[in-house]
PDB file of N, CA and C in Angstrom:
ATOM      1  N   GLY A   1       3.805   0.397 -43.296  1.00  0.00           N
ATOM      2  CA  GLY A   1       2.768  -0.438 -42.793  1.00  0.00           C
ATOM      3  C   GLY A   1       3.196  -1.150 -41.514  1.00  0.00           C
ATOM      4  N   ILE A   2       2.517  -2.218 -41.238  1.00  0.00           N
ATOM      5  CA  ILE A   2       2.766  -2.973 -40.011  1.00  0.00           C
ATOM      6  C   ILE A   2       4.150  -3.629 -40.011  1.00  0.00           C
ATOM      7  N   PRO A   3       4.572  -4.281 -41.101  1.00  0.00           N
ATOM      8  CA  PRO A   3       5.919  -4.876 -41.070  1.00  0.00           C
ATOM      9  C   PRO A   3       7.024  -3.828 -40.861  1.00  0.00           C
ATOM     10  N   GLY A   4       6.854  -2.671 -41.483  1.00  0.00           N
ATOM     11  CA  GLY A   4       7.838  -1.607 -41.299  1.00  0.00           C
ATOM     12  C   GLY A   4       7.867  -1.093 -39.875  1.00  0.00           C
ATOM     13  N   GLY A   5       6.688  -0.992 -39.259  1.00  0.00           N
ATOM     14  CA  GLY A   5       6.631  -0.566 -37.865  1.00  0.00           C
ATOM     15  C   GLY A   5       7.289  -1.568 -36.942  1.00  0.00           C
ATOM     16  N   LEU A   6       7.036  -2.849 -37.186  1.00  0.00           N
ATOM     17  CA  LEU A   6       7.673  -3.884 -36.367  1.00  0.00           C
ATOM     18  C   LEU A   6       9.185  -3.898 -36.560  1.00  0.00           C
ATOM     19  N   LEU A   7       9.626  -3.732 -37.798  1.00  0.00           N
ATOM     20  CA  LEU A   7      11.063  -3.703 -38.071  1.00  0.00           C
ATOM     21  C   LEU A   7      11.728  -2.508 -37.404  1.00  0.00           C
ATOM     22  N   SER A   8      11.112  -1.337 -37.503  1.00  0.00           N
ATOM     23  CA  SER A   8      11.718  -0.160 -36.879  1.00  0.00           C
ATOM     24  C   SER A   8      11.718  -0.284 -35.361  1.00  0.00           C
ATOM     25  N   GLY A   9      10.671  -0.872 -34.794  1.00  0.00           N
ATOM     26  CA  GLY A   9      10.658  -1.091 -33.347  1.00  0.00           C
ATOM     27  C   GLY A   9      11.748  -2.043 -32.918  1.00  0.00           C
ATOM     28  N   ALA A  10      11.943  -3.119 -33.686  1.00  0.00           N
ATOM     29  CA  ALA A  10      12.998  -4.083 -33.355  1.00  0.00           C
ATOM     30  C   ALA A  10      14.378  -3.449 -33.482  1.00  0.00           C
ATOM     31  N   LEU A  11      14.597  -2.695 -34.550  1.00  0.00           N
ATOM     32  CA  LEU A  11      15.902  -2.058 -34.733  1.00  0.00           C
ATOM     33  C   LEU A  11      16.157  -0.959 -33.702  1.00  0.00           C
ATOM     34  N   PHE A  12      15.101  -0.413 -33.121  1.00  0.00           N
ATOM     35  CA  PHE A  12      15.263   0.603 -32.090  1.00  0.00           C
ATOM     36  C   PHE A  12      15.601  -0.044 -30.741  1.00  0.00           C
ATOM     37  N   GLN A  13      15.015  -1.196 -30.446  1.00  0.00           N
ATOM     38  CA  GLN A  13      15.163  -1.799 -29.124  1.00  0.00           C
ATOM     39  C   GLN A  13      16.349  -2.746 -29.005  1.00  0.00           C
ATOM     40  N   TYR A  14      16.676  -3.500 -30.027  1.00  0.00           N
ATOM     41  CA  TYR A  14      17.701  -4.525 -29.903  1.00  0.00           C
ATOM     42  C   TYR A  14      19.108  -3.995 -29.629  1.00  0.00           C
ATOM     43  N   PRO A  15      19.537  -2.868 -30.180  1.00  0.00           N
ATOM     44  CA  PRO A  15      20.874  -2.380 -29.795  1.00  0.00           C
ATOM     45  C   PRO A  15      20.974  -2.058 -28.304  1.00  0.00           C
ATOM     46  N   GLY A  16      19.925  -1.484 -27.734  1.00  0.00           N
ATOM     47  CA  GLY A  16      19.932  -1.217 -26.293  1.00  0.00           C
ATOM     48  C   GLY A  16      19.934  -2.497 -25.488  1.00  0.00           C
ATOM     49  N   LEU A  17      19.175  -3.493 -25.944  1.00  0.00           N
ATOM     50  CA  LEU A  17      19.161  -4.790 -25.274  1.00  0.00           C
ATOM     51  C   LEU A  17      20.548  -5.412 -25.284  1.00  0.00           C
ATOM     52  N   LEU A  18      21.217  -5.356 -26.411  1.00  0.00           N
ATOM     53  CA  LEU A  18      22.556  -5.923 -26.523  1.00  0.00           C
ATOM     54  C   LEU A  18      23.547  -5.180 -25.619  1.00  0.00           C
ATOM     55  N   MET A  19      23.496  -3.858 -25.625  1.00  0.00           N
ATOM     56  CA  MET A  19      24.422  -3.073 -24.799  1.00  0.00           C
ATOM     57  C   MET A  19      24.177  -3.300 -23.305  1.00  0.00           C
ATOM     58  N   MET A  20      22.921  -3.334 -22.899  1.00  0.00           N
ATOM     59  CA  MET A  20      22.617  -3.545 -21.478  1.00  0.00           C
ATOM     60  C   MET A  20      22.990  -4.967 -21.045  1.00  0.00           C
ATOM     61  N   SER A  21      22.821  -5.940 -21.924  1.00  0.00           N
ATOM     62  CA  SER A  21      23.213  -7.314 -21.594  1.00  0.00           C
ATOM     63  C   SER A  21      24.720  -7.419 -21.424  1.00  0.00           C
ATOM     64  N   LEU A  22      25.472  -6.794 -22.314  1.00  0.00           N
ATOM     65  CA  LEU A  22      26.922  -6.810 -22.192  1.00  0.00           C
ATOM     66  C   LEU A  22      27.386  -6.051 -20.949  1.00  0.00           C
ATOM     67  N   ALA A  23      26.726  -4.940 -20.654  1.00  0.00           N
ATOM     68  CA  ALA A  23      27.076  -4.193 -19.443  1.00  0.00           C
ATOM     69  C   ALA A  23      26.765  -5.012 -18.197  1.00  0.00           C
ATOM     70  N   GLY A  24      25.669  -5.743 -18.210  1.00  0.00           N
ATOM     71  CA  GLY A  24      25.321  -6.589 -17.079  1.00  0.00           C
ATOM     72  C   GLY A  24      26.308  -7.717 -16.885  1.00  0.00           C
ATOM     73  N   LEU A  25      26.760  -8.319 -17.982  1.00  0.00           N
ATOM     74  CA  LEU A  25      27.761  -9.378 -17.872  1.00  0.00           C
ATOM     75  C   LEU A  25      29.071  -8.845 -17.315  1.00  0.00           C
ATOM     76  N   GLY A  26      29.454  -7.655 -17.758  1.00  0.00           N
ATOM     77  CA  GLY A  26      30.684  -7.052 -17.237  1.00  0.00           C
ATOM     78  C   GLY A  26      30.555  -6.625 -15.791  1.00  0.00           C
ATOM     79  N   ALA A  27      29.396  -6.111 -15.431  1.00  0.00           N
ATOM     80  CA  ALA A  27      29.195  -5.639 -14.063  1.00  0.00           C
ATOM     81  C   ALA A  27      29.058  -6.791 -13.083  1.00  0.00           C
ATOM     82  N   ALA A  28      28.638  -7.959 -13.557  1.00  0.00           N
ATOM     83  CA  ALA A  28      28.468  -9.100 -12.660  1.00  0.00           C
ATOM     84  C   ALA A  28      29.788  -9.476 -12.002  1.00  0.00           C
ATOM     85  N   GLU A  29      30.871  -9.364 -12.729  1.00  0.00           N
ATOM     86  CA  GLU A  29      32.177  -9.685 -12.152  1.00  0.00           C
ATOM     87  C   GLU A  29      32.599  -8.658 -11.105  1.00  0.00           C
ATOM     88  N   VAL A  30      32.293  -7.404 -11.344  1.00  0.00           N
ATOM     89  CA  VAL A  30      32.707  -6.333 -10.437  1.00  0.00           C
ATOM     90  C   VAL A  30      31.838  -6.302  -9.184  1.00  0.00           C
ATOM     91  N   LEU A  31      30.565  -6.638  -9.316  1.00  0.00           N
ATOM     92  CA  LEU A  31      29.622  -6.455  -8.216  1.00  0.00           C
ATOM     93  C   LEU A  31      29.559  -7.627  -7.243  1.00  0.00           C
ATOM     94  N   ILE A  32      30.375  -8.655  -7.440  1.00  0.00           N
ATOM     95  CA  ILE A  32      30.390  -9.755  -6.478  1.00  0.00           C
ATOM     96  C   ILE A  32      30.887  -9.250  -5.134  1.00  0.00           C
ATOM     97  N   ASP A  33      31.971  -8.513  -5.130  1.00  0.00           N
ATOM     98  CA  ASP A  33      32.504  -7.898  -3.904  1.00  0.00           C
ATOM     99  C   ASP A  33      32.926  -6.473  -4.244  1.00  0.00           C
ATOM    100  N   PRO A  34      31.953  -5.527  -4.268  1.00  0.00           N
ATOM    101  CA  PRO A  34      32.280  -4.180  -4.741  1.00  0.00           C
ATOM    102  C   PRO A  34      33.176  -3.408  -3.765  1.00  0.00           C
ATOM    103  N   ALA A  35      33.915  -2.484  -4.327  1.00  0.00           N
ATOM    104  CA  ALA A  35      34.766  -1.609  -3.523  1.00  0.00           C
ATOM    105  C   ALA A  35      33.898  -0.598  -2.766  1.00  0.00           C
ATOM    106  N   ASP A  36      34.496   0.030  -1.771  1.00  0.00           N
ATOM    107  CA  ASP A  36      33.750   0.989  -0.956  1.00  0.00           C
ATOM    108  C   ASP A  36      33.259   2.175  -1.774  1.00  0.00           C
ATOM    109  N   TRP A  37      34.068   2.659  -2.711  1.00  0.00           N
ATOM    110  CA  TRP A  37      33.646   3.813  -3.512  1.00  0.00           C
ATOM    111  C   TRP A  37      32.455   3.450  -4.389  1.00  0.00           C
ATOM    112  N   LEU A  38      32.404   2.185  -4.845  1.00  0.00           N
ATOM    113  CA  LEU A  38      31.286   1.761  -5.684  1.00  0.00           C
ATOM    114  C   LEU A  38      30.006   1.630  -4.862  1.00  0.00           C
ATOM    115  N   ARG A  39      30.137   1.174  -3.627  1.00  0.00           N
ATOM    116  CA  ARG A  39      28.980   1.131  -2.732  1.00  0.00           C
ATOM    117  C   ARG A  39      28.455   2.536  -2.446  1.00  0.00           C
ATOM    118  N   GLY A  40      29.371   3.472  -2.237  1.00  0.00           N
ATOM    119  CA  GLY A  40      28.968   4.863  -2.002  1.00  0.00           C
ATOM    120  C   GLY A  40      28.296   5.475  -3.211  1.00  0.00           C
ATOM    121  N   LEU A  41      28.841   5.192  -4.393  1.00  0.00           N
ATOM    122  CA  LEU A  41      28.240   5.701  -5.630  1.00  0.00           C
ATOM    123  C   LEU A  41      26.838   5.126  -5.817  1.00  0.00           C
ATOM    124  N   SER A  42      26.690   3.848  -5.544  1.00  0.00           N
ATOM    125  CA  SER A  42      25.385   3.205  -5.674  1.00  0.00           C
ATOM    126  C   SER A  42      24.381   3.800  -4.692  1.00  0.00           C
ATOM    127  N   ALA A  43      24.817   4.046  -3.461  1.00  0.00           N
ATOM    128  CA  ALA A  43      23.915   4.635  -2.472  1.00  0.00           C
ATOM    129  C   ALA A  43      23.512   6.053  -2.869  1.00  0.00           C
ATOM    130  N   GLY A  44      24.454   6.821  -3.393  1.00  0.00           N
ATOM    131  CA  GLY A  44      24.140   8.182  -3.817  1.00  0.00           C
ATOM    132  C   GLY A  44      23.189   8.223  -4.996  1.00  0.00           C
ATOM    133  N   LEU A  45      23.403   7.337  -5.971  1.00  0.00           N
ATOM    134  CA  LEU A  45      22.498   7.290  -7.117  1.00  0.00           C
ATOM    135  C   LEU A  45      21.114   6.807  -6.707  1.00  0.00           C
ATOM    136  N   SER A  46      21.061   5.875  -5.761  1.00  0.00           N
ATOM    137  CA  SER A  46      19.763   5.408  -5.266  1.00  0.00           C
ATOM    138  C   SER A  46      19.009   6.532  -4.576  1.00  0.00           C
ATOM    139  N   ALA A  47      19.711   7.302  -3.771  1.00  0.00           N
ATOM    140  CA  ALA A  47      19.070   8.429  -3.093  1.00  0.00           C
ATOM    141  C   ALA A  47      18.578   9.466  -4.097  1.00  0.00           C
ATOM    142  N   GLY A  48      19.359   9.709  -5.134  1.00  0.00           N
ATOM    143  CA  GLY A  48      18.928  10.639  -6.174  1.00  0.00           C
ATOM    144  C   GLY A  48      17.701  10.142  -6.910  1.00  0.00           C
ATOM    145  N   GLY A  49      17.644   8.833  -7.173  1.00  0.00           N
ATOM    146  CA  GLY A  49      16.472   8.250  -7.828  1.00  0.00           C
ATOM    147  C   GLY A  49      15.226   8.358  -6.966  1.00  0.00           C
ATOM    148  N   VAL A  50      15.378   8.124  -5.673  1.00  0.00           N
ATOM    149  CA  VAL A  50      14.238   8.258  -4.761  1.00  0.00           C
ATOM    150  C   VAL A  50      13.761   9.706  -4.731  1.00  0.00           C
ATOM    151  N   ALA A  51      14.695  10.652  -4.720  1.00  0.00           N
ATOM    152  CA  ALA A  51      14.318  12.068  -4.703  1.00  0.00           C
ATOM    153  C   ALA A  51      13.553  12.449  -5.968  1.00  0.00           C
ATOM    154  N   LEU A  52      13.965  11.918  -7.121  1.00  0.00           N
ATOM    155  CA  LEU A  52      13.244  12.208  -8.366  1.00  0.00           C
ATOM    156  C   LEU A  52      11.826  11.651  -8.334  1.00  0.00           C
ATOM    157  N   VAL A  53      11.662  10.440  -7.811  1.00  0.00           N
ATOM    158  CA  VAL A  53      10.330   9.837  -7.745  1.00  0.00           C
ATOM    159  C   VAL A  53       9.442  10.611  -6.785  1.00  0.00           C
ATOM    160  N   VAL A  54       9.984  11.010  -5.634  1.00  0.00           N
ATOM    161  CA  VAL A  54       9.200  11.787  -4.673  1.00  0.00           C
ATOM    162  C   VAL A  54       8.788  13.125  -5.272  1.00  0.00           C
ATOM    163  N   ASP A  55       9.705  13.780  -5.976  1.00  0.00           N
ATOM    164  CA  ASP A  55       9.381  15.052  -6.614  1.00  0.00           C
ATOM    165  C   ASP A  55       8.286  14.881  -7.667  1.00  0.00           C
ATOM    166  N   ALA A  56       8.353  13.799  -8.439  1.00  0.00           N
ATOM    167  CA  ALA A  56       7.310  13.544  -9.439  1.00  0.00           C
ATOM    168  C   ALA A  56       5.970  13.263  -8.767  1.00  0.00           C
ATOM    169  N   CYS A  57       5.989  12.536  -7.658  1.00  0.00           N
ATOM    170  CA  CYS A  57       4.736  12.251  -6.933  1.00  0.00           C
ATOM    171  C   CYS A  57       4.124  13.521  -6.365  1.00  0.00           C
ATOM    172  N   ILE A  58       4.941  14.393  -5.836  1.00  0.00           N
ATOM    173  CA  ILE A  58       4.428  15.652  -5.288  1.00  0.00           C
ATOM    174  C   ILE A  58       3.826  16.505  -6.408  1.00  0.00           C
ATOM    175  N   GLY A  59       4.515  16.577  -7.549  1.00  0.00           N
ATOM    176  CA  GLY A  59       3.982  17.338  -8.676  1.00  0.00           C
ATOM    177  C   GLY A  59       2.674  16.773  -9.188  1.00  0.00           C
ATOM    178  N   LEU A  60       2.584  15.443  -9.268  1.00  0.00           N
ATOM    179  CA  LEU A  60       1.350  14.804  -9.706  1.00  0.00           C
ATOM    180  C   LEU A  60       0.232  15.046  -8.710  1.00  0.00           C
ATOM    181  N   CYS A  61       0.553  14.980  -7.439  1.00  0.00           N
ATOM    182  CA  CYS A  61      -0.455  15.212  -6.399  1.00  0.00           C
ATOM    183  C   CYS A  61      -0.997  16.637  -6.454  1.00  0.00           C
ATOM    184  N   LYS A  62      -0.114  17.594  -6.714  1.00  0.00           N
ATOM    185  CA  LYS A  62      -0.564  18.984  -6.799  1.00  0.00           C
ATOM    186  C   LYS A  62      -1.500  19.210  -7.993  1.00  0.00           C
ATOM    187  N   LYS A  63      -1.306  18.446  -9.068  1.00  0.00           N
ATOM    188  CA  LYS A  63      -2.173  18.592 -10.230  1.00  0.00           C
ATOM    189  C   LYS A  63      -3.505  17.885 -10.045  1.00  0.00           C
ATOM    190  N   ILE A  64      -3.482  16.718  -9.406  1.00  0.00           N
ATOM    191  CA  ILE A  64      -4.690  15.900  -9.319  1.00  0.00           C
ATOM    192  C   ILE A  64      -5.522  16.228  -8.090  1.00  0.00           C
ATOM    193  N   CYS A  65      -4.888  16.404  -6.961  1.00  0.00           N
ATOM    194  CA  CYS A  65      -5.610  16.606  -5.693  1.00  0.00           C
ATOM    195  C   CYS A  65      -5.882  18.091  -5.496  1.00  0.00           C
ATOM    196  N   VAL A  66      -6.999  18.539  -6.029  1.00  0.00           N
ATOM    197  CA  VAL A  66      -7.303  19.971  -5.970  1.00  0.00           C
ATOM    198  C   VAL A  66      -8.218  20.341  -4.805  1.00  0.00           C
ATOM    199  N   ASP A  67      -8.861  19.346  -4.181  1.00  0.00           N
ATOM    200  CA  ASP A  67      -9.704  19.659  -3.031  1.00  0.00           C
ATOM    201  C   ASP A  67      -9.409  18.673  -1.896  1.00  0.00           C
ATOM    202  N   ASP A  68     -10.013  18.910  -0.748  1.00  0.00           N
ATOM    203  CA  ASP A  68      -9.727  18.104   0.439  1.00  0.00           C
ATOM    204  C   ASP A  68     -10.166  16.648   0.280  1.00  0.00           C
ATOM    205  N   ASP A  69     -11.254  16.406  -0.458  1.00  0.00           N
ATOM    206  CA  ASP A  69     -11.733  15.032  -0.627  1.00  0.00           C
ATOM    207  C   ASP A  69     -10.718  14.177  -1.387  1.00  0.00           C
ATOM    208  N   THR A  70     -10.199  14.697  -2.491  1.00  0.00           N
ATOM    209  CA  THR A  70      -9.235  13.910  -3.262  1.00  0.00           C
ATOM    210  C   THR A  70      -7.910  13.780  -2.508  1.00  0.00           C
ATOM    211  N   MET A  71      -7.525  14.789  -1.743  1.00  0.00           N
ATOM    212  CA  MET A  71      -6.305  14.672  -0.941  1.00  0.00           C
ATOM    213  C   MET A  71      -6.442  13.566   0.103  1.00  0.00           C
ATOM    214  N   GLY A  72      -7.581  13.515   0.767  1.00  0.00           N
ATOM    215  CA  GLY A  72      -7.812  12.474   1.757  1.00  0.00           C
ATOM    216  C   GLY A  72      -7.851  11.090   1.132  1.00  0.00           C
ATOM    217  N   LEU A  73      -8.493  10.979  -0.021  1.00  0.00           N
ATOM    218  CA  LEU A  73      -8.569   9.697  -0.711  1.00  0.00           C
ATOM    219  C   LEU A  73      -7.181   9.233  -1.155  1.00  0.00           C
ATOM    220  N   CYS A  74      -6.370  10.145  -1.654  1.00  0.00           N
ATOM    221  CA  CYS A  74      -5.005   9.803  -2.053  1.00  0.00           C
ATOM    222  C   CYS A  74      -4.179   9.371  -0.844  1.00  0.00           C
ATOM    223  N   LEU A  75      -4.329  10.067   0.261  1.00  0.00           N
ATOM    224  CA  LEU A  75      -3.581   9.719   1.463  1.00  0.00           C
ATOM    225  C   LEU A  75      -3.969   8.337   1.972  1.00  0.00           C
ATOM    226  N   VAL A  76      -5.259   8.055   2.018  1.00  0.00           N
ATOM    227  CA  VAL A  76      -5.718   6.748   2.490  1.00  0.00           C
ATOM    228  C   VAL A  76      -5.242   5.640   1.559  1.00  0.00           C
ATOM    229  N   SER A  77      -5.353   5.854   0.244  1.00  0.00           N
ATOM    230  CA  SER A  77      -4.938   4.809  -0.689  1.00  0.00           C
ATOM    231  C   SER A  77      -3.425   4.584  -0.641  1.00  0.00           C
ATOM    232  N   ALA A  78      -2.644   5.649  -0.446  1.00  0.00           N
ATOM    233  CA  ALA A  78      -1.197   5.488  -0.329  1.00  0.00           C
ATOM    234  C   ALA A  78      -0.838   4.725   0.942  1.00  0.00           C
ATOM    235  N   CYS A  79      -1.530   5.003   2.039  1.00  0.00           N
ATOM    236  CA  CYS A  79      -1.265   4.291   3.289  1.00  0.00           C
ATOM    237  C   CYS A  79      -1.640   2.817   3.176  1.00  0.00           C
ATOM    238  N   VAL A  80      -2.753   2.522   2.522  1.00  0.00           N
ATOM    239  CA  VAL A  80      -3.161   1.127   2.338  1.00  0.00           C
ATOM    240  C   VAL A  80      -2.160   0.399   1.443  1.00  0.00           C
ATOM    241  N   ALA A  81      -1.720   1.035   0.371  1.00  0.00           N
ATOM    242  CA  ALA A  81      -0.765   0.405  -0.524  1.00  0.00           C
ATOM    243  C   ALA A  81       0.567   0.153   0.187  1.00  0.00           C
ATOM    244  N   PHE A  82       1.015   1.099   0.991  1.00  0.00           N
ATOM    245  CA  PHE A  82       2.261   0.936   1.741  1.00  0.00           C
ATOM    246  C   PHE A  82       2.108  -0.188   2.763  1.00  0.00           C
ATOM    247  N   HIS A  83       0.988  -0.226   3.467  1.00  0.00           N
ATOM    248  CA  HIS A  83       0.762  -1.254   4.472  1.00  0.00           C
ATOM    249  C   HIS A  83       0.719  -2.650   3.826  1.00  0.00           C
ATOM    250  N   CYS A  84       0.034  -2.762   2.702  1.00  0.00           N
ATOM    251  CA  CYS A  84      -0.073  -4.071   2.028  1.00  0.00           C
ATOM    252  C   CYS A  84       1.268  -4.523   1.473  1.00  0.00           C
ATOM    253  N   SER A  85       2.075  -3.596   0.960  1.00  0.00           N
ATOM    254  CA  SER A  85       3.374  -3.984   0.413  1.00  0.00           C
ATOM    255  C   SER A  85       4.354  -4.331   1.517  1.00  0.00           C
ATOM    256  N   ALA A  86       4.207  -3.728   2.696  1.00  0.00           N
ATOM    257  CA  ALA A  86       5.111  -4.022   3.804  1.00  0.00           C
ATOM    258  C   ALA A  86       4.812  -5.377   4.432  1.00  0.00           C
ATOM    259  N   HIS A  87       3.589  -5.838   4.328  1.00  0.00           N
ATOM    260  CA  HIS A  87       3.203  -7.104   4.954  1.00  0.00           C
ATOM    261  C   HIS A  87       2.993  -8.232   3.950  1.00  0.00           C
ATOM    262  N   ALA A  88       3.432  -8.033   2.728  1.00  0.00           N
ATOM    263  CA  ALA A  88       3.235  -9.083   1.706  1.00  0.00           C
ATOM    264  C   ALA A  88       4.383 -10.066   1.702  1.00  0.00           C
TER     265      ALA A  88
END
């Protein structure tokens, strides 16, 4: 029932919360003045994350934008969203 669902959800999420909190506390000491290799690793992982998001956006666009009207609407809305976020 509902109590069992809430209990299973809590038991599923809290171990990850605890591990990520401990990892954050440990990383806080290291990230005050990171070494060059750590900066490079962070930049590489960031670039990989951006590439994954761009690939997902392209795949989604190919599925949703099947004609010229929807492609134009998506392009205009993306430009407006980018412009508004850059000037906020």
